[in-house]
């Protein structure tokens, strides 16, 4: 949750795929920039350039979602922490690469 301070969160997140998501969910791949925060203090990201896709964390499920309906548990992309699934978080030019990001 960015240590309680949204300015500690990554400003930019890039989502890509070399698997089936690239073929079926290509509109949800790309660069996302921090847009705001959820009620639990986690960052919410919006896809560039000003699309209707959002990247957000659902705390009660423990997953990251990409969907056009903000904070909804339906449709889009979901990160269940599958082996090989990775997200790249960028904060002020520095990259963090992890198989799962739940903080």
Protein backbone atom coordinates (compact mmCIF):
# COMPACT_ATOMS: atom_id res chain seq x y z
CA UNK A 1 0.00 0.00 0.00
CA UNK A 2 2.95 2.36 -0.62
CA UNK A 3 3.72 2.57 3.07
CA UNK A 4 0.64 4.74 3.58
CA UNK A 5 2.04 7.37 1.22
CA UNK A 6 0.93 7.25 -2.45
CA UNK A 7 4.02 9.23 -3.48
CA UNK A 8 6.11 6.14 -2.59
CA UNK A 9 4.28 4.09 -5.26
CA UNK A 10 5.53 3.51 -8.75
CA UNK A 11 4.41 6.22 -11.13
CA UNK A 12 4.38 4.00 -14.22
CA UNK A 13 3.53 0.33 -14.79
CA UNK A 14 4.01 -1.50 -18.10
CA UNK A 15 2.03 -4.65 -18.85
CA UNK A 16 3.04 -6.90 -21.74
CA UNK A 17 2.47 -10.51 -22.72
CA UNK A 18 4.14 -13.13 -24.85
CA UNK A 19 1.25 -15.55 -24.32
CA UNK A 20 -2.47 -15.68 -25.06
CA UNK A 21 -3.23 -12.34 -23.40
CA UNK A 22 -1.42 -10.67 -26.28
CA UNK A 23 -3.89 -12.24 -28.74
CA UNK A 24 -7.11 -11.81 -26.76
CA UNK A 25 -6.56 -8.85 -24.41
CA UNK A 26 -4.18 -6.69 -26.43
CA UNK A 27 -6.18 -3.51 -25.71
CA UNK A 28 -5.42 -3.93 -22.00
CA UNK A 29 -1.64 -4.17 -22.48
CA UNK A 30 0.62 -1.14 -22.43
CA UNK A 31 1.72 1.65 -20.14
CA UNK A 32 -0.30 2.77 -17.14
CA UNK A 33 0.31 5.92 -15.08
CA UNK A 34 -0.74 6.54 -11.51
CA UNK A 35 -4.25 8.03 -11.53
CA UNK A 36 -5.28 8.04 -7.88
CA UNK A 37 -5.64 5.77 -4.86
CA UNK A 38 -8.28 3.31 -3.69
CA UNK A 39 -9.98 3.42 -0.30
CA UNK A 40 -7.31 1.06 1.08
CA UNK A 41 -4.50 3.40 0.00
CA UNK A 42 -3.25 1.37 -2.95
CA UNK A 43 -2.45 3.10 -6.23
CA UNK A 44 -4.85 3.10 -9.15
CA UNK A 45 -3.37 3.42 -12.62
CA UNK A 46 -4.94 4.53 -15.92
CA UNK A 47 -3.71 3.31 -19.29
CA UNK A 48 -2.05 5.75 -21.65
CA UNK A 49 -3.16 7.56 -23.71
CA UNK A 50 -6.23 8.39 -21.60
CA UNK A 51 -8.07 5.12 -22.30
CA UNK A 52 -10.82 3.66 -20.14
CA UNK A 53 -8.63 0.81 -18.82
CA UNK A 54 -7.50 0.88 -15.20
CA UNK A 55 -4.99 -1.18 -13.24
CA UNK A 56 -5.98 -1.69 -9.61
CA UNK A 57 -5.52 -4.08 -6.70
CA UNK A 58 -8.44 -5.92 -5.10
CA UNK A 59 -7.26 -6.47 -1.55
CA UNK A 60 -9.95 -8.98 -0.60
CA UNK A 61 -8.92 -11.20 -3.56
CA UNK A 62 -5.20 -10.46 -3.41
CA UNK A 63 -4.94 -9.78 -7.16
CA UNK A 64 -4.13 -7.00 -9.62
CA UNK A 65 -6.78 -6.37 -12.29
CA UNK A 66 -6.91 -4.48 -15.59
CA UNK A 67 -10.47 -3.56 -16.48
CA UNK A 68 -12.50 -0.67 -17.86
CA UNK A 69 -14.78 -0.68 -14.79
CA UNK A 70 -12.74 0.66 -11.90
CA UNK A 71 -12.47 -1.62 -8.82
CA UNK A 72 -14.80 -4.26 -10.32
CA UNK A 73 -14.16 -7.99 -9.91
CA UNK A 74 -15.09 -9.03 -13.44
CA UNK A 75 -13.52 -9.27 -16.87
CA UNK A 76 -10.24 -7.90 -18.15
CA UNK A 77 -6.83 -9.15 -17.06
CA UNK A 78 -6.08 -10.61 -13.66
CA UNK A 79 -2.75 -11.55 -12.04
CA UNK A 80 -3.23 -14.67 -9.95
CA UNK A 81 0.53 -14.85 -9.31
CA UNK A 82 1.02 -17.51 -11.97
CA UNK A 83 4.58 -18.78 -12.48
CA UNK A 84 6.25 -16.55 -15.03
CA UNK A 85 3.68 -13.76 -14.64
CA UNK A 86 5.54 -10.54 -13.99
CA UNK A 87 4.78 -6.85 -13.71
CA UNK A 88 7.34 -4.08 -14.20
CA UNK A 89 6.88 -1.14 -11.83
CA UNK A 90 8.70 2.12 -12.62
CA UNK A 91 9.21 4.88 -10.11
CA UNK A 92 11.17 7.95 -11.18
CA UNK A 93 12.99 5.95 -13.86
CA UNK A 94 13.94 3.03 -11.60
CA UNK A 95 12.45 -0.38 -12.38
CA UNK A 96 11.27 -3.09 -10.04
CA UNK A 97 10.60 -6.47 -11.60
CA UNK A 98 8.65 -9.03 -9.60
CA UNK A 99 6.66 -12.17 -10.09
CA UNK A 100 3.98 -10.74 -7.81
CA UNK A 101 3.42 -7.34 -6.29
CA UNK A 102 0.98 -7.28 -3.41
CA UNK A 103 2.13 -4.34 -1.39
